[in-house]
Amino acid sequence: MTRYYLLATLIVVLVGSVLFAHRLAPPDLRISAKPTGTPTVESPARGGTPEPTPGGFTGQGPWVLSALPGCFDEQSRVRGPAAALAGKVPPAADRIAPGTTFRSGDCTVIVRSSDIWIERAADRLRVPPPAALYRDAGELVLVARDGGTLEIRRY
């Protein structure tokens, strides 16, 4: 009977060793993907790209308010076809009027007719057109359009 226990122990040890050694081997991962969609090239529009400033950074896109956590705290973000998200856009009466300038934290926000500029010390950021800023239920709502796609961010 001892012989069978030794044989069973040997089998368990061998199988366990092989499995353990296999787990320590680097995985054979091959990740590949084919790019889809059309690449977008940002071209400076009239009103331009933010001017670089010494010691600061510049940027433009619908994400710029989210890049300033000391000034804005993103609560939600939705992106999709404009037709599907049209019901989530706040009413036109809640839109912050072009020409309005206000402060949030240490940031100055300048609302223009179709874009929004944000300045903080030497940093200059821009939400490119077409974009609009709304006040809705005590929150700031940024609505940015890119072709047929709408992006709605709440702060």
C-alpha atoms as a PDB file:
ATOM      1  CA  MET A   1       0.000   0.000   0.000  1.00  0.00           C
ATOM      2  CA  THR A   2       2.935   2.321   0.721  1.00  0.00           C
ATOM      3  CA  ARG A   3       4.037   1.857  -2.847  1.00  0.00           C
ATOM      4  CA  TYR A   4       0.714   3.343  -4.141  1.00  0.00           C
ATOM      5  CA  TYR A   5       0.952   6.317  -1.765  1.00  0.00           C
ATOM      6  CA  LEU A   6       4.500   7.036  -2.978  1.00  0.00           C
ATOM      7  CA  LEU A   7       3.397   6.734  -6.624  1.00  0.00           C
ATOM      8  CA  ALA A   8       0.391   9.039  -6.043  1.00  0.00           C
ATOM      9  CA  THR A   9       2.627  11.549  -4.227  1.00  0.00           C
ATOM     10  CA  LEU A  10       5.138  11.457  -7.073  1.00  0.00           C
ATOM     11  CA  ILE A  11       2.393  12.073  -9.658  1.00  0.00           C
ATOM     12  CA  VAL A  12       0.982  15.009  -7.670  1.00  0.00           C
ATOM     13  CA  VAL A  13       4.441  16.524  -7.202  1.00  0.00           C
ATOM     14  CA  LEU A  14       5.293  16.161 -10.909  1.00  0.00           C
ATOM     15  CA  VAL A  15       1.984  17.622 -12.122  1.00  0.00           C
ATOM     16  CA  GLY A  16       2.202  20.431  -9.546  1.00  0.00           C
ATOM     17  CA  SER A  17       5.795  21.240 -10.553  1.00  0.00           C
ATOM     18  CA  VAL A  18       4.917  21.399 -14.249  1.00  0.00           C
ATOM     19  CA  LEU A  19       1.913  23.630 -13.607  1.00  0.00           C
ATOM     20  CA  PHE A  20       3.887  25.866 -11.236  1.00  0.00           C
ATOM     21  CA  ALA A  21       6.758  26.214 -13.736  1.00  0.00           C
ATOM     22  CA  HIS A  22       4.280  27.027 -16.496  1.00  0.00           C
ATOM     23  CA  ARG A  23       2.707  29.805 -14.391  1.00  0.00           C
ATOM     24  CA  LEU A  24       6.132  31.433 -13.859  1.00  0.00           C
ATOM     25  CA  ALA A  25       6.885  31.555 -17.576  1.00  0.00           C
ATOM     26  CA  PRO A  26       6.231  34.904 -19.274  1.00  0.00           C
ATOM     27  CA  PRO A  27       2.862  34.928 -21.025  1.00  0.00           C
ATOM     28  CA  ASP A  28       2.843  34.656 -24.789  1.00  0.00           C
ATOM     29  CA  LEU A  29       0.741  37.746 -25.449  1.00  0.00           C
ATOM     30  CA  ARG A  30       0.373  39.187 -28.890  1.00  0.00           C
ATOM     31  CA  ILE A  31      -1.765  42.279 -28.952  1.00  0.00           C
ATOM     32  CA  SER A  32      -2.696  43.787 -32.250  1.00  0.00           C
ATOM     33  CA  ALA A  33      -5.487  45.923 -33.544  1.00  0.00           C
ATOM     34  CA  LYS A  34      -6.401  47.540 -36.788  1.00  0.00           C
ATOM     35  CA  PRO A  35      -7.038  51.258 -36.499  1.00  0.00           C
ATOM     36  CA  THR A  36     -10.527  52.342 -37.457  1.00  0.00           C
ATOM     37  CA  GLY A  37     -12.068  55.694 -38.190  1.00  0.00           C
ATOM     38  CA  THR A  38     -10.609  58.764 -39.741  1.00  0.00           C
ATOM     39  CA  PRO A  39      -7.658  60.436 -38.087  1.00  0.00           C
ATOM     40  CA  THR A  40      -8.362  64.009 -37.133  1.00  0.00           C
ATOM     41  CA  VAL A  41      -5.915  66.774 -37.678  1.00  0.00           C
ATOM     42  CA  GLU A  42      -6.399  69.872 -35.626  1.00  0.00           C
ATOM     43  CA  SER A  43      -5.956  72.966 -37.656  1.00  0.00           C
ATOM     44  CA  PRO A  44      -5.845  76.395 -36.113  1.00  0.00           C
ATOM     45  CA  ALA A  45      -9.155  78.149 -36.501  1.00  0.00           C
ATOM     46  CA  ARG A  46      -9.681  81.870 -36.518  1.00  0.00           C
ATOM     47  CA  GLY A  47      -9.235  82.965 -32.950  1.00  0.00           C
ATOM     48  CA  GLY A  48      -6.319  80.619 -33.049  1.00  0.00           C
ATOM     49  CA  THR A  49      -4.402  78.193 -31.050  1.00  0.00           C
ATOM     50  CA  PRO A  50      -3.487  79.243 -27.554  1.00  0.00           C
ATOM     51  CA  GLU A  51      -0.233  81.192 -27.496  1.00  0.00           C
ATOM     52  CA  PRO A  52       2.542  79.405 -25.635  1.00  0.00           C
ATOM     53  CA  THR A  53       3.720  81.211 -22.551  1.00  0.00           C
ATOM     54  CA  PRO A  54       7.012  80.753 -20.730  1.00  0.00           C
ATOM     55  CA  GLY A  55       6.626  78.228 -17.927  1.00  0.00           C
ATOM     56  CA  GLY A  56       3.005  77.425 -18.817  1.00  0.00           C
ATOM     57  CA  PHE A  57       1.256  74.926 -20.993  1.00  0.00           C
ATOM     58  CA  THR A  58      -1.270  75.252 -23.760  1.00  0.00           C
ATOM     59  CA  GLY A  59      -3.826  72.920 -25.211  1.00  0.00           C
ATOM     60  CA  GLN A  60      -7.168  72.692 -26.868  1.00  0.00           C
ATOM     61  CA  GLY A  61      -9.945  70.152 -26.870  1.00  0.00           C
ATOM     62  CA  PRO A  62     -13.169  69.343 -25.048  1.00  0.00           C
ATOM     63  CA  TRP A  63     -11.068  67.893 -22.193  1.00  0.00           C
ATOM     64  CA  VAL A  64      -9.345  71.110 -21.079  1.00  0.00           C
ATOM     65  CA  LEU A  65     -11.646  71.859 -18.129  1.00  0.00           C
ATOM     66  CA  SER A  66     -10.969  68.327 -16.846  1.00  0.00           C
ATOM     67  CA  ALA A  67      -7.226  69.045 -17.013  1.00  0.00           C
ATOM     68  CA  LEU A  68      -7.610  71.682 -14.282  1.00  0.00           C
ATOM     69  CA  PRO A  69      -8.739  69.804 -11.162  1.00  0.00           C
ATOM     70  CA  GLY A  70      -8.007  72.801  -8.941  1.00  0.00           C
ATOM     71  CA  CYS A  71     -10.640  74.739 -10.876  1.00  0.00           C
ATOM     72  CA  PHE A  72     -13.123  72.132 -12.132  1.00  0.00           C
ATOM     73  CA  ASP A  73     -14.212  68.697 -10.941  1.00  0.00           C
ATOM     74  CA  GLU A  74     -15.714  66.591 -13.730  1.00  0.00           C
ATOM     75  CA  GLN A  75     -18.819  64.760 -12.508  1.00  0.00           C
ATOM     76  CA  SER A  76     -19.882  63.011 -15.718  1.00  0.00           C
ATOM     77  CA  ARG A  77     -19.111  62.761 -19.404  1.00  0.00           C
ATOM     78  CA  VAL A  78     -21.259  61.505 -22.271  1.00  0.00           C
ATOM     79  CA  ARG A  79     -20.191  61.224 -25.905  1.00  0.00           C
ATOM     80  CA  GLY A  80     -22.262  59.994 -28.810  1.00  0.00           C
ATOM     81  CA  PRO A  81     -24.309  60.878 -31.861  1.00  0.00           C
ATOM     82  CA  ALA A  82     -25.745  64.391 -31.688  1.00  0.00           C
ATOM     83  CA  ALA A  83     -29.257  63.146 -32.454  1.00  0.00           C
ATOM     84  CA  ALA A  84     -29.164  60.665 -29.564  1.00  0.00           C
ATOM     85  CA  LEU A  85     -27.842  63.205 -27.045  1.00  0.00           C
ATOM     86  CA  ALA A  86     -29.938  66.206 -28.097  1.00  0.00           C
ATOM     87  CA  GLY A  87     -32.286  65.663 -25.133  1.00  0.00           C
ATOM     88  CA  LYS A  88     -29.381  65.924 -22.656  1.00  0.00           C
ATOM     89  CA  VAL A  89     -28.330  69.402 -23.805  1.00  0.00           C
ATOM     90  CA  PRO A  90     -29.553  72.054 -21.340  1.00  0.00           C
ATOM     91  CA  PRO A  91     -32.094  74.584 -22.622  1.00  0.00           C
ATOM     92  CA  ALA A  92     -30.752  77.580 -24.558  1.00  0.00           C
ATOM     93  CA  ALA A  93     -31.946  79.878 -21.759  1.00  0.00           C
ATOM     94  CA  ASP A  94     -29.350  78.284 -19.439  1.00  0.00           C
ATOM     95  CA  ARG A  95     -26.444  79.069 -21.782  1.00  0.00           C
ATOM     96  CA  ILE A  96     -23.784  81.382 -20.366  1.00  0.00           C
ATOM     97  CA  ALA A  97     -23.808  84.428 -22.617  1.00  0.00           C
ATOM     98  CA  PRO A  98     -20.844  85.025 -24.931  1.00  0.00           C
ATOM     99  CA  GLY A  99     -18.598  87.749 -23.546  1.00  0.00           C
ATOM    100  CA  THR A 100     -18.998  86.494 -19.981  1.00  0.00           C
ATOM    101  CA  THR A 101     -15.834  86.168 -17.902  1.00  0.00           C
ATOM    102  CA  PHE A 102     -15.841  84.434 -14.523  1.00  0.00           C
ATOM    103  CA  ARG A 103     -13.453  82.795 -12.070  1.00  0.00           C
ATOM    104  CA  SER A 104     -13.474  79.234 -10.784  1.00  0.00           C
ATOM    105  CA  GLY A 105     -10.725  78.487  -8.297  1.00  0.00           C
ATOM    106  CA  ASP A 106      -7.624  80.162  -9.664  1.00  0.00           C
ATOM    107  CA  CYS A 107      -8.837  79.888 -13.272  1.00  0.00           C
ATOM    108  CA  THR A 108     -10.378  82.613 -15.395  1.00  0.00           C
ATOM    109  CA  VAL A 109     -12.970  81.395 -17.901  1.00  0.00           C
ATOM    110  CA  ILE A 110     -13.754  83.510 -20.957  1.00  0.00           C
ATOM    111  CA  VAL A 111     -16.904  82.453 -22.804  1.00  0.00           C
ATOM    112  CA  ARG A 112     -16.911  83.496 -26.446  1.00  0.00           C
ATOM    113  CA  SER A 113     -19.552  83.027 -29.116  1.00  0.00           C
ATOM    114  CA  SER A 114     -18.356  79.590 -30.221  1.00  0.00           C
ATOM    115  CA  ASP A 115     -15.382  78.674 -28.052  1.00  0.00           C
ATOM    116  CA  ILE A 116     -14.217  78.887 -24.449  1.00  0.00           C
ATOM    117  CA  TRP A 117     -10.832  80.045 -23.153  1.00  0.00           C
ATOM    118  CA  ILE A 118      -9.407  79.160 -19.745  1.00  0.00           C
ATOM    119  CA  GLU A 119      -6.413  80.916 -18.214  1.00  0.00           C
ATOM    120  CA  ARG A 120      -4.561  79.946 -15.053  1.00  0.00           C
ATOM    121  CA  ALA A 121      -1.332  81.800 -14.319  1.00  0.00           C
ATOM    122  CA  ALA A 122       0.821  81.056 -17.396  1.00  0.00           C
ATOM    123  CA  ASP A 123      -1.458  78.259 -18.683  1.00  0.00           C
ATOM    124  CA  ARG A 124      -3.739  78.939 -21.688  1.00  0.00           C
ATOM    125  CA  LEU A 125      -6.355  76.367 -22.692  1.00  0.00           C
ATOM    126  CA  ARG A 126      -9.167  76.447 -25.215  1.00  0.00           C
ATOM    127  CA  VAL A 127     -12.302  74.459 -25.988  1.00  0.00           C
ATOM    128  CA  PRO A 128     -12.482  74.808 -29.798  1.00  0.00           C
ATOM    129  CA  PRO A 129     -15.650  75.690 -31.689  1.00  0.00           C
ATOM    130  CA  PRO A 130     -18.411  74.825 -31.704  1.00  0.00           C
ATOM    131  CA  ALA A 131     -18.682  74.730 -27.928  1.00  0.00           C
ATOM    132  CA  ALA A 132     -21.078  76.228 -25.406  1.00  0.00           C
ATOM    133  CA  LEU A 133     -21.127  76.470 -21.636  1.00  0.00           C
ATOM    134  CA  TYR A 134     -24.350  76.216 -19.601  1.00  0.00           C
ATOM    135  CA  ARG A 135     -25.394  76.575 -15.955  1.00  0.00           C
ATOM    136  CA  ASP A 136     -27.798  73.781 -15.108  1.00  0.00           C
ATOM    137  CA  ALA A 137     -28.907  72.755 -11.606  1.00  0.00           C
ATOM    138  CA  GLY A 138     -25.888  74.379  -9.991  1.00  0.00           C
ATOM    139  CA  GLU A 139     -23.430  72.706 -12.342  1.00  0.00           C
ATOM    140  CA  LEU A 140     -21.430  73.888 -15.317  1.00  0.00           C
ATOM    141  CA  VAL A 141     -22.245  71.909 -18.442  1.00  0.00           C
ATOM    142  CA  LEU A 142     -19.883  71.958 -21.422  1.00  0.00           C
ATOM    143  CA  VAL A 143     -21.353  70.950 -24.770  1.00  0.00           C
ATOM    144  CA  ALA A 144     -18.812  70.444 -27.554  1.00  0.00           C
ATOM    145  CA  ARG A 145     -19.651  69.278 -31.062  1.00  0.00           C
ATOM    146  CA  ASP A 146     -17.316  67.471 -33.428  1.00  0.00           C
ATOM    147  CA  GLY A 147     -19.107  66.809 -36.710  1.00  0.00           C
ATOM    148  CA  GLY A 148     -22.076  64.582 -35.893  1.00  0.00           C
ATOM    149  CA  THR A 149     -20.744  63.724 -32.435  1.00  0.00           C
ATOM    150  CA  LEU A 150     -21.704  65.563 -29.284  1.00  0.00           C
ATOM    151  CA  GLU A 151     -19.744  65.534 -26.019  1.00  0.00           C
ATOM    152  CA  ILE A 152     -21.438  66.692 -22.811  1.00  0.00           C
ATOM    153  CA  ARG A 153     -19.348  67.149 -19.663  1.00  0.00           C
ATOM    154  CA  ARG A 154     -20.746  68.186 -16.267  1.00  0.00           C
ATOM    155  CA  TYR A 155     -18.627  69.975 -13.657  1.00  0.00           C
END
